[in-house]
C-alpha atoms as a PDB file:
ATOM      1  CA  MET A   1      -2.620  15.109  55.712  1.00  0.00           C
ATOM      2  CA  ARG A   2       0.918  14.277  56.842  1.00  0.00           C
ATOM      3  CA  PHE A   3       2.024  11.967  59.611  1.00  0.00           C
ATOM      4  CA  GLY A   4       5.133  10.023  60.531  1.00  0.00           C
ATOM      5  CA  THR A   5       7.259   7.846  62.772  1.00  0.00           C
ATOM      6  CA  ALA A   6      11.007   7.568  63.258  1.00  0.00           C
ATOM      7  CA  SER A   7      11.481   5.450  60.129  1.00  0.00           C
ATOM      8  CA  LYS A   8       8.362   6.206  58.060  1.00  0.00           C
ATOM      9  CA  ARG A   9       6.627   9.404  57.024  1.00  0.00           C
ATOM     10  CA  PHE A  10       3.473   9.512  54.979  1.00  0.00           C
ATOM     11  CA  SER A  11       0.892  11.770  53.391  1.00  0.00           C
ATOM     12  CA  GLY A  12      -2.524  11.040  51.910  1.00  0.00           C
ATOM     13  CA  ARG A  13      -5.269  12.856  50.055  1.00  0.00           C
ATOM     14  CA  THR A  14      -8.509  11.933  48.288  1.00  0.00           C
ATOM     15  CA  HIS A  15     -10.615  14.171  46.027  1.00  0.00           C
ATOM     16  CA  PRO A  16     -14.042  13.586  44.430  1.00  0.00           C
ATOM     17  CA  GLY A  17     -12.833  14.797  41.044  1.00  0.00           C
ATOM     18  CA  ARG A  18     -14.606  17.040  38.551  1.00  0.00           C
ATOM     19  CA  ARG A  19     -17.528  14.767  37.672  1.00  0.00           C
ATOM     20  CA  GLY A  20     -19.680  15.526  40.704  1.00  0.00           C
ATOM     21  CA  GLY A  21     -21.360  12.911  42.858  1.00  0.00           C
ATOM     22  CA  PRO A  22     -19.998  11.086  45.895  1.00  0.00           C
ATOM     23  CA  ASN A  23     -16.368  10.228  46.454  1.00  0.00           C
ATOM     24  CA  GLU A  24     -16.250   6.420  46.278  1.00  0.00           C
ATOM     25  CA  ASP A  25     -12.516   6.344  47.067  1.00  0.00           C
ATOM     26  CA  VAL A  26     -11.193   5.936  50.592  1.00  0.00           C
ATOM     27  CA  ILE A  27      -7.701   6.145  52.014  1.00  0.00           C
ATOM     28  CA  GLY A  28      -6.570   4.848  55.377  1.00  0.00           C
ATOM     29  CA  TRP A  29      -3.731   3.703  57.580  1.00  0.00           C
ATOM     30  CA  ASP A  30      -2.841   2.182  60.903  1.00  0.00           C
ATOM     31  CA  GLU A  31       0.375   3.796  62.039  1.00  0.00           C
ATOM     32  CA  ALA A  32       0.956   1.285  64.830  1.00  0.00           C
ATOM     33  CA  SER A  33       1.164  -1.599  62.349  1.00  0.00           C
ATOM     34  CA  SER A  34       2.839   0.381  59.518  1.00  0.00           C
ATOM     35  CA  PHE A  35      -0.146  -0.235  57.270  1.00  0.00           C
ATOM     36  CA  TRP A  36      -1.614   1.947  54.486  1.00  0.00           C
ATOM     37  CA  PHE A  37      -4.259   1.435  51.810  1.00  0.00           C
ATOM     38  CA  VAL A  38      -6.394   2.949  49.060  1.00  0.00           C
ATOM     39  CA  ALA A  39      -9.772   1.496  48.034  1.00  0.00           C
ATOM     40  CA  ASP A  40     -12.021   2.471  45.121  1.00  0.00           C
ATOM     41  CA  GLY A  41     -15.686   1.528  45.429  1.00  0.00           C
ATOM     42  CA  MET A  42     -18.014   0.722  42.552  1.00  0.00           C
ATOM     43  CA  GLY A  43     -21.668  -0.179  42.104  1.00  0.00           C
ATOM     44  CA  GLY A  44     -25.044   1.177  41.123  1.00  0.00           C
ATOM     45  CA  HIS A  45     -27.377   3.341  43.205  1.00  0.00           C
ATOM     46  CA  ALA A  46     -24.445   5.156  44.855  1.00  0.00           C
ATOM     47  CA  SER A  47     -23.398   1.975  46.650  1.00  0.00           C
ATOM     48  CA  GLY A  48     -19.731   2.222  45.667  1.00  0.00           C
ATOM     49  CA  ASP A  49     -19.029   4.525  48.581  1.00  0.00           C
ATOM     50  CA  VAL A  50     -20.690   1.989  50.893  1.00  0.00           C
ATOM     51  CA  ALA A  51     -18.428  -0.791  49.607  1.00  0.00           C
ATOM     52  CA  SER A  52     -15.206   1.195  49.988  1.00  0.00           C
ATOM     53  CA  ARG A  53     -16.243   2.380  53.441  1.00  0.00           C
ATOM     54  CA  VAL A  54     -16.848  -1.228  54.513  1.00  0.00           C
ATOM     55  CA  VAL A  55     -13.392  -2.121  53.189  1.00  0.00           C
ATOM     56  CA  LYS A  56     -11.835   0.709  55.187  1.00  0.00           C
ATOM     57  CA  GLU A  57     -13.609  -0.189  58.419  1.00  0.00           C
ATOM     58  CA  THR A  58     -12.751  -3.868  58.061  1.00  0.00           C
ATOM     59  CA  LEU A  59      -9.092  -3.316  57.240  1.00  0.00           C
ATOM     60  CA  LEU A  60      -8.609  -0.914  60.132  1.00  0.00           C
ATOM     61  CA  GLY A  61     -10.300  -3.385  62.435  1.00  0.00           C
ATOM     62  CA  GLU A  62      -8.138  -6.299  61.309  1.00  0.00           C
ATOM     63  CA  ALA A  63      -4.802  -4.588  60.599  1.00  0.00           C
ATOM     64  CA  LEU A  64      -3.246  -5.397  63.969  1.00  0.00           C
ATOM     65  CA  THR A  65      -4.311  -9.044  64.141  1.00  0.00           C
ATOM     66  CA  LEU A  66      -4.300 -10.549  60.633  1.00  0.00           C
ATOM     67  CA  PRO A  67      -1.735 -10.944  57.862  1.00  0.00           C
ATOM     68  CA  LEU A  68      -2.307  -8.513  55.007  1.00  0.00           C
ATOM     69  CA  VAL A  69      -3.896 -11.004  52.598  1.00  0.00           C
ATOM     70  CA  ASP A  70      -6.176 -12.372  55.315  1.00  0.00           C
ATOM     71  CA  ALA A  71      -7.331  -8.861  56.219  1.00  0.00           C
ATOM     72  CA  ILE A  72      -8.196  -8.234  52.564  1.00  0.00           C
ATOM     73  CA  ARG A  73     -10.057 -11.551  52.386  1.00  0.00           C
ATOM     74  CA  LYS A  74     -12.030 -10.525  55.471  1.00  0.00           C
ATOM     75  CA  ALA A  75     -12.868  -7.209  53.782  1.00  0.00           C
ATOM     76  CA  HIS A  76     -14.170  -9.098  50.742  1.00  0.00           C
ATOM     77  CA  GLU A  77     -16.384 -11.289  52.909  1.00  0.00           C
ATOM     78  CA  THR A  78     -17.742  -8.282  54.782  1.00  0.00           C
ATOM     79  CA  VAL A  79     -18.579  -6.365  51.589  1.00  0.00           C
ATOM     80  CA  ALA A  80     -20.337  -9.444  50.180  1.00  0.00           C
ATOM     81  CA  ALA A  81     -22.317  -9.908  53.394  1.00  0.00           C
ATOM     82  CA  THR A  82     -23.284  -6.229  53.494  1.00  0.00           C
ATOM     83  CA  ALA A  83     -24.498  -6.381  49.882  1.00  0.00           C
ATOM     84  CA  LYS A  84     -27.063  -8.994  50.895  1.00  0.00           C
ATOM     85  CA  THR A  85     -28.684  -6.682  53.426  1.00  0.00           C
ATOM     86  CA  ASN A  86     -30.132  -4.213  50.901  1.00  0.00           C
ATOM     87  CA  THR A  87     -31.151  -4.579  47.254  1.00  0.00           C
ATOM     88  CA  ALA A  88     -29.656  -1.137  46.619  1.00  0.00           C
ATOM     89  CA  TYR A  89     -26.267  -2.736  47.307  1.00  0.00           C
ATOM     90  CA  ASP A  90     -26.558  -5.364  44.554  1.00  0.00           C
ATOM     91  CA  ASN A  91     -23.258  -5.829  42.682  1.00  0.00           C
ATOM     92  CA  MET A  92     -21.404  -3.321  44.794  1.00  0.00           C
ATOM     93  CA  GLY A  93     -17.705  -3.923  45.179  1.00  0.00           C
ATOM     94  CA  SER A  94     -14.360  -2.278  45.705  1.00  0.00           C
ATOM     95  CA  THR A  95     -10.753  -2.445  44.655  1.00  0.00           C
ATOM     96  CA  VAL A  96      -7.958  -2.200  47.198  1.00  0.00           C
ATOM     97  CA  VAL A  97      -4.207  -1.769  47.251  1.00  0.00           C
ATOM     98  CA  ALA A  98      -2.468  -2.011  50.610  1.00  0.00           C
ATOM     99  CA  THR A  99       1.040  -2.133  51.972  1.00  0.00           C
ATOM    100  CA  ARG A 100       2.606  -3.098  55.268  1.00  0.00           C
ATOM    101  CA  ILE A 101       6.237  -2.314  56.080  1.00  0.00           C
ATOM    102  CA  ALA A 102       8.090  -4.711  58.372  1.00  0.00           C
ATOM    103  CA  GLU A 103      11.682  -5.882  58.703  1.00  0.00           C
ATOM    104  CA  ARG A 104      12.957  -3.445  56.069  1.00  0.00           C
ATOM    105  CA  GLN A 105      10.615  -4.584  53.329  1.00  0.00           C
ATOM    106  CA  ALA A 106       7.202  -3.642  51.998  1.00  0.00           C
ATOM    107  CA  GLU A 107       4.523  -6.235  51.393  1.00  0.00           C
ATOM    108  CA  ILE A 108       2.040  -5.076  48.749  1.00  0.00           C
ATOM    109  CA  ALA A 109      -1.339  -6.768  48.256  1.00  0.00           C
ATOM    110  CA  TRP A 110      -4.053  -5.725  45.845  1.00  0.00           C
ATOM    111  CA  VAL A 111      -7.343  -6.629  44.202  1.00  0.00           C
ATOM    112  CA  GLY A 112      -8.541  -4.696  41.153  1.00  0.00           C
ATOM    113  CA  ASP A 113      -6.874  -1.785  39.389  1.00  0.00           C
ATOM    114  CA  SER A 114      -5.707   0.413  42.246  1.00  0.00           C
ATOM    115  CA  ARG A 115      -1.930   0.602  41.982  1.00  0.00           C
ATOM    116  CA  ALA A 116       1.324   0.757  43.910  1.00  0.00           C
ATOM    117  CA  TYR A 117       4.529   2.341  42.646  1.00  0.00           C
ATOM    118  CA  LEU A 118       8.085   2.589  43.965  1.00  0.00           C
ATOM    119  CA  TRP A 119       9.970   5.875  43.640  1.00  0.00           C
ATOM    120  CA  ARG A 120      13.689   5.244  44.137  1.00  0.00           C
ATOM    121  CA  HIS A 121      16.562   7.563  43.244  1.00  0.00           C
ATOM    122  CA  GLY A 122      14.534   9.448  40.656  1.00  0.00           C
ATOM    123  CA  ALA A 123      13.060   6.377  38.934  1.00  0.00           C
ATOM    124  CA  LEU A 124       9.438   5.194  39.054  1.00  0.00           C
ATOM    125  CA  SER A 125       8.611   1.471  39.000  1.00  0.00           C
ATOM    126  CA  ALA A 126       5.185  -0.183  39.001  1.00  0.00           C
ATOM    127  CA  LEU A 127       4.843  -2.739  41.808  1.00  0.00           C
ATOM    128  CA  THR A 128       1.395  -4.017  40.796  1.00  0.00           C
ATOM    129  CA  ARG A 129      -0.355  -5.277  37.690  1.00  0.00           C
ATOM    130  CA  ASP A 130      -4.003  -4.360  37.275  1.00  0.00           C
ATOM    131  CA  HIS A 131      -6.653  -7.042  37.591  1.00  0.00           C
ATOM    132  CA  SER A 132      -8.443  -5.667  34.552  1.00  0.00           C
ATOM    133  CA  TYR A 133      -9.592  -6.445  31.038  1.00  0.00           C
ATOM    134  CA  LEU A 134      -6.993  -4.049  29.679  1.00  0.00           C
ATOM    135  CA  GLU A 135      -4.163  -5.817  31.499  1.00  0.00           C
ATOM    136  CA  VAL A 136      -5.248  -9.108  29.911  1.00  0.00           C
ATOM    137  CA  LEU A 137      -5.331  -7.352  26.544  1.00  0.00           C
ATOM    138  CA  ARG A 138      -1.923  -5.782  27.164  1.00  0.00           C
ATOM    139  CA  VAL A 139      -0.328  -9.153  27.876  1.00  0.00           C
ATOM    140  CA  GLN A 140      -2.058 -11.039  25.055  1.00  0.00           C
ATOM    141  CA  GLU A 141      -1.468  -8.374  22.404  1.00  0.00           C
ATOM    142  CA  ASN A 142       1.847  -7.063  23.795  1.00  0.00           C
ATOM    143  CA  LEU A 143       0.459  -3.525  23.903  1.00  0.00           C
ATOM    144  CA  SER A 144       1.883  -0.582  25.816  1.00  0.00           C
ATOM    145  CA  GLU A 145       0.082   1.459  28.454  1.00  0.00           C
ATOM    146  CA  GLU A 146       0.028   4.376  26.033  1.00  0.00           C
ATOM    147  CA  GLN A 147      -1.641   2.258  23.335  1.00  0.00           C
ATOM    148  CA  LEU A 148      -4.397   1.273  25.766  1.00  0.00           C
ATOM    149  CA  ARG A 149      -5.019   4.754  27.134  1.00  0.00           C
ATOM    150  CA  GLY A 150      -8.555   5.862  26.343  1.00  0.00           C
ATOM    151  CA  HIS A 151      -9.825   2.320  25.612  1.00  0.00           C
ATOM    152  CA  PRO A 152     -13.635   2.139  26.153  1.00  0.00           C
ATOM    153  CA  ASN A 153     -13.260  -0.832  28.541  1.00  0.00           C
ATOM    154  CA  ARG A 154     -10.458   0.747  30.529  1.00  0.00           C
ATOM    155  CA  ASN A 155     -12.350   0.573  33.832  1.00  0.00           C
ATOM    156  CA  LEU A 156     -13.489  -3.054  33.537  1.00  0.00           C
ATOM    157  CA  VAL A 157     -11.867  -4.960  36.407  1.00  0.00           C
ATOM    158  CA  THR A 158     -11.542  -8.736  36.621  1.00  0.00           C
ATOM    159  CA  ARG A 159     -11.239  -9.013  40.425  1.00  0.00           C
ATOM    160  CA  THR A 160     -13.359  -7.081  42.907  1.00  0.00           C
ATOM    161  CA  LEU A 161     -13.840  -7.255  46.651  1.00  0.00           C
ATOM    162  CA  GLY A 162     -17.435  -8.258  47.356  1.00  0.00           C
ATOM    163  CA  ILE A 163     -18.047 -10.103  44.088  1.00  0.00           C
ATOM    164  CA  GLY A 164     -17.085 -13.687  43.266  1.00  0.00           C
ATOM    165  CA  THR A 165     -13.993 -15.152  44.914  1.00  0.00           C
ATOM    166  CA  PRO A 166     -11.194 -12.668  44.239  1.00  0.00           C
ATOM    167  CA  GLU A 167      -7.648 -13.609  45.154  1.00  0.00           C
ATOM    168  CA  ALA A 168      -5.278 -10.861  46.202  1.00  0.00           C
ATOM    169  CA  SER A 169      -1.961 -10.638  44.391  1.00  0.00           C
ATOM    170  CA  VAL A 170       1.129 -10.042  46.526  1.00  0.00           C
ATOM    171  CA  ALA A 171       4.552  -8.514  45.965  1.00  0.00           C
ATOM    172  CA  LYS A 172       7.398  -8.060  48.453  1.00  0.00           C
ATOM    173  CA  VAL A 173       9.888  -5.253  47.963  1.00  0.00           C
ATOM    174  CA  PRO A 174      13.201  -4.851  49.842  1.00  0.00           C
ATOM    175  CA  LEU A 175      13.479  -1.206  50.837  1.00  0.00           C
ATOM    176  CA  ARG A 176      16.246   1.361  50.742  1.00  0.00           C
ATOM    177  CA  ARG A 177      16.453   4.504  52.792  1.00  0.00           C
ATOM    178  CA  ARG A 178      14.523   7.366  51.146  1.00  0.00           C
ATOM    179  CA  ASP A 179      12.326   5.026  49.058  1.00  0.00           C
ATOM    180  CA  TRP A 180       8.794   6.264  48.451  1.00  0.00           C
ATOM    181  CA  LEU A 181       5.789   3.985  48.039  1.00  0.00           C
ATOM    182  CA  ILE A 182       2.859   5.467  46.115  1.00  0.00           C
ATOM    183  CA  LEU A 183      -0.608   3.924  46.439  1.00  0.00           C
ATOM    184  CA  CYS A 184      -3.307   5.341  44.174  1.00  0.00           C
ATOM    185  CA  SER A 185      -6.754   4.815  42.712  1.00  0.00           C
ATOM    186  CA  ASP A 186      -7.215   4.632  38.950  1.00  0.00           C
ATOM    187  CA  GLY A 187      -8.420   8.228  38.974  1.00  0.00           C
ATOM    188  CA  LEU A 188      -4.750   9.200  39.209  1.00  0.00           C
ATOM    189  CA  ASN A 189      -3.110   6.894  36.675  1.00  0.00           C
ATOM    190  CA  ASP A 190      -6.019   7.156  34.216  1.00  0.00           C
ATOM    191  CA  GLU A 191      -5.242  10.858  33.921  1.00  0.00           C
ATOM    192  CA  LEU A 192      -1.458  10.763  34.298  1.00  0.00           C
ATOM    193  CA  GLU A 193       0.968   8.538  32.434  1.00  0.00           C
ATOM    194  CA  ASP A 194       3.767   7.015  34.487  1.00  0.00           C
ATOM    195  CA  ARG A 195       6.266   9.518  33.078  1.00  0.00           C
ATOM    196  CA  GLU A 196       3.987  12.359  34.195  1.00  0.00           C
ATOM    197  CA  ILE A 197       3.746  10.891  37.687  1.00  0.00           C
ATOM    198  CA  ALA A 198       7.541  10.694  37.747  1.00  0.00           C
ATOM    199  CA  ASP A 199       7.826  14.319  36.601  1.00  0.00           C
ATOM    200  CA  VAL A 200       5.599  15.453  39.465  1.00  0.00           C
ATOM    201  CA  LEU A 201       7.622  13.487  42.022  1.00  0.00           C
ATOM    202  CA  ARG A 202      10.887  14.769  40.595  1.00  0.00           C
ATOM    203  CA  THR A 203       9.834  18.387  40.932  1.00  0.00           C
ATOM    204  CA  HIS A 204       8.268  17.995  44.391  1.00  0.00           C
ATOM    205  CA  PRO A 205      10.801  16.267  46.688  1.00  0.00           C
ATOM    206  CA  GLN A 206       8.739  16.904  49.835  1.00  0.00           C
ATOM    207  CA  LEU A 207       6.192  14.221  50.634  1.00  0.00           C
ATOM    208  CA  GLU A 208       3.144  16.356  51.390  1.00  0.00           C
ATOM    209  CA  LYS A 209       3.716  18.710  48.463  1.00  0.00           C
ATOM    210  CA  ALA A 210       4.181  15.739  46.131  1.00  0.00           C
ATOM    211  CA  THR A 211       0.851  14.273  47.257  1.00  0.00           C
ATOM    212  CA  GLU A 212      -0.952  17.553  46.644  1.00  0.00           C
ATOM    213  CA  ALA A 213       0.772  18.024  43.288  1.00  0.00           C
ATOM    214  CA  LEU A 214      -0.232  14.556  42.064  1.00  0.00           C
ATOM    215  CA  ILE A 215      -3.889  15.182  42.873  1.00  0.00           C
ATOM    216  CA  GLU A 216      -3.827  18.638  41.296  1.00  0.00           C
ATOM    217  CA  ALA A 217      -2.115  17.307  38.162  1.00  0.00           C
ATOM    218  CA  ALA A 218      -4.809  14.645  37.731  1.00  0.00           C
ATOM    219  CA  LEU A 219      -7.533  17.253  38.190  1.00  0.00           C
ATOM    220  CA  ALA A 220      -5.838  19.532  35.669  1.00  0.00           C
ATOM    221  CA  LYS A 221      -5.855  16.701  33.105  1.00  0.00           C
ATOM    222  CA  GLY A 222      -9.618  16.266  33.514  1.00  0.00           C
ATOM    223  CA  GLY A 223     -10.267  14.710  36.920  1.00  0.00           C
ATOM    224  CA  ARG A 224     -12.974  12.503  35.442  1.00  0.00           C
ATOM    225  CA  ASP A 225     -12.985  10.146  38.418  1.00  0.00           C
ATOM    226  CA  ASN A 226     -12.332  10.270  42.136  1.00  0.00           C
ATOM    227  CA  VAL A 227      -8.599  10.717  42.723  1.00  0.00           C
ATOM    228  CA  SER A 228      -6.658   9.353  45.689  1.00  0.00           C
ATOM    229  CA  ALA A 229      -3.012   8.942  46.631  1.00  0.00           C
ATOM    230  CA  VAL A 230      -1.093   7.848  49.703  1.00  0.00           C
ATOM    231  CA  LEU A 231       2.679   8.371  49.737  1.00  0.00           C
ATOM    232  CA  VAL A 232       4.937   6.640  52.258  1.00  0.00           C
ATOM    233  CA  GLU A 233       8.618   7.459  52.716  1.00  0.00           C
ATOM    234  CA  TYR A 234      10.835   4.779  54.228  1.00  0.00           C
ATOM    235  CA  ASP A 235      13.639   6.299  56.274  1.00  0.00           C
ATOM    236  CA  GLY A 236      15.000   3.216  58.000  1.00  0.00           C
ATOM    237  CA  PRO A 237      18.118   1.174  57.207  1.00  0.00           C
ATOM    238  CA  ASP A 238      18.502  -0.635  53.888  1.00  0.00           C
ATOM    239  CA  SER A 239      17.138  -4.163  53.767  1.00  0.00           C
ATOM    240  CA  VAL A 240      19.566  -7.079  54.009  1.00  0.00           C
ATOM    241  CA  GLU A 241      18.910  -7.945  50.352  1.00  0.00           C
ATOM    242  CA  VAL A 242      19.681  -4.408  49.220  1.00  0.00           C
ATOM    243  CA  SER A 243      22.794  -4.235  51.414  1.00  0.00           C
ATOM    244  CA  SER A 244      23.979  -7.598  50.059  1.00  0.00           C
ATOM    245  CA  ALA A 245      23.405  -6.412  46.513  1.00  0.00           C
ATOM    246  CA  MET A 246      25.489  -3.318  47.191  1.00  0.00           C
ATOM    247  CA  SER A 247      28.233  -5.498  48.658  1.00  0.00           C
ATOM    248  CA  GLN A 248      28.251  -7.641  45.523  1.00  0.00           C
ATOM    249  CA  LYS A 249      28.621  -4.518  43.404  1.00  0.00           C
ATOM    250  CA  LEU A 250      31.584  -3.396  45.505  1.00  0.00           C
ATOM    251  CA  LYS A 251      33.431  -6.745  45.433  1.00  0.00           C
ATOM    252  CA  PRO A 252      35.098  -6.203  42.020  1.00  0.00           C
ATOM    253  CA  MET A 253      36.409  -2.865  43.291  1.00  0.00           C
ATOM    254  CA  LEU A 254      38.015  -4.234  46.449  1.00  0.00           C
ATOM    255  CA  PRO A 255      41.416  -4.987  44.821  1.00  0.00           C
ATOM    256  CA  ILE A 256      41.476  -1.471  43.400  1.00  0.00           C
ATOM    257  CA  ILE A 257      40.524   0.072  46.732  1.00  0.00           C
ATOM    258  CA  GLY A 258      43.097  -2.092  48.501  1.00  0.00           C
ATOM    259  CA  GLY A 259      45.775  -1.035  46.039  1.00  0.00           C
ATOM    260  CA  MET A 260      44.937   2.629  46.538  1.00  0.00           C
ATOM    261  CA  VAL A 261      45.158   2.250  50.319  1.00  0.00           C
ATOM    262  CA  ALA A 262      48.480   0.418  50.044  1.00  0.00           C
ATOM    263  CA  ALA A 263      49.917   3.046  47.706  1.00  0.00           C
ATOM    264  CA  THR A 264      48.830   5.823  50.053  1.00  0.00           C
ATOM    265  CA  LEU A 265      50.420   4.035  53.014  1.00  0.00           C
ATOM    266  CA  VAL A 266      53.716   3.598  51.138  1.00  0.00           C
ATOM    267  CA  ALA A 267      53.735   7.279  50.204  1.00  0.00           C
ATOM    268  CA  VAL A 268      53.118   8.338  53.796  1.00  0.00           C
ATOM    269  CA  LEU A 269      55.888   6.066  55.104  1.00  0.00           C
ATOM    270  CA  TRP A 270      58.347   7.328  52.462  1.00  0.00           C
ATOM    271  CA  TRP A 271      57.591  10.919  53.411  1.00  0.00           C
ATOM    272  CA  TRP A 272      57.978  10.094  57.127  1.00  0.00           C
ATOM    273  CA  PHE A 273      61.402   8.514  56.773  1.00  0.00           C
ATOM    274  CA  TYR A 274      62.922  10.421  53.841  1.00  0.00           C
ATOM    275  CA  GLY A 275      60.939  13.513  52.997  1.00  0.00           C
ATOM    276  CA  ARG A 276      60.801  15.410  56.249  1.00  0.00           C
END
């Protein structure tokens, strides 16, 4: 699916994967408030899809009235309350990664191991750090993502909506024109390394085709989990921070530019008075 506004275009897709069973991932957005999210449900007795659906309904209901972190907190409370209504919902929960674009910057908030990336000028950067056992291990042991790939506890998360008292992490990113934000469930990045995600984006410069290609690439690598991705292209003006940074980069060149302009002016004047 592809949608857009004057300064933002976006595309999203979710797939149940190759394993069979329900799709416990959800994707969603509220175009009016420039808000997008991916949630990945979990829990026994097929209750993961219930948890992620509750997250989606709550976020869409609160997106226009609450700050991003408060909307996520409300989703946590609603999942926890729903779990108490049926023993089949015991220990159900959900991850979430969400972004809201306002005033030329993206606010990213997340709980769990659903991720956000920035694609800028052909380079991919992670904007989130997983709330997971493996992320703790990575930091403590100074291990790379590649070294942890395939670890038996890869899907063990340390923060979950609906369980305990999870705190959302937040990042704010100044945006440049043509930046892409990628939100995804772990079904994507468990199958594809970051360099493979970058390769797909590099070879598919159109938003909708890139979304489809990411899902298909994850399925081709095994598709052992539900796979979801939402891509958002920012097409507005550069943020003030980015513009200021560019100005700082140009400052050392100003004397050179000024000299070139002066030399050109002298040459034109000489030609006008003597060369004609």
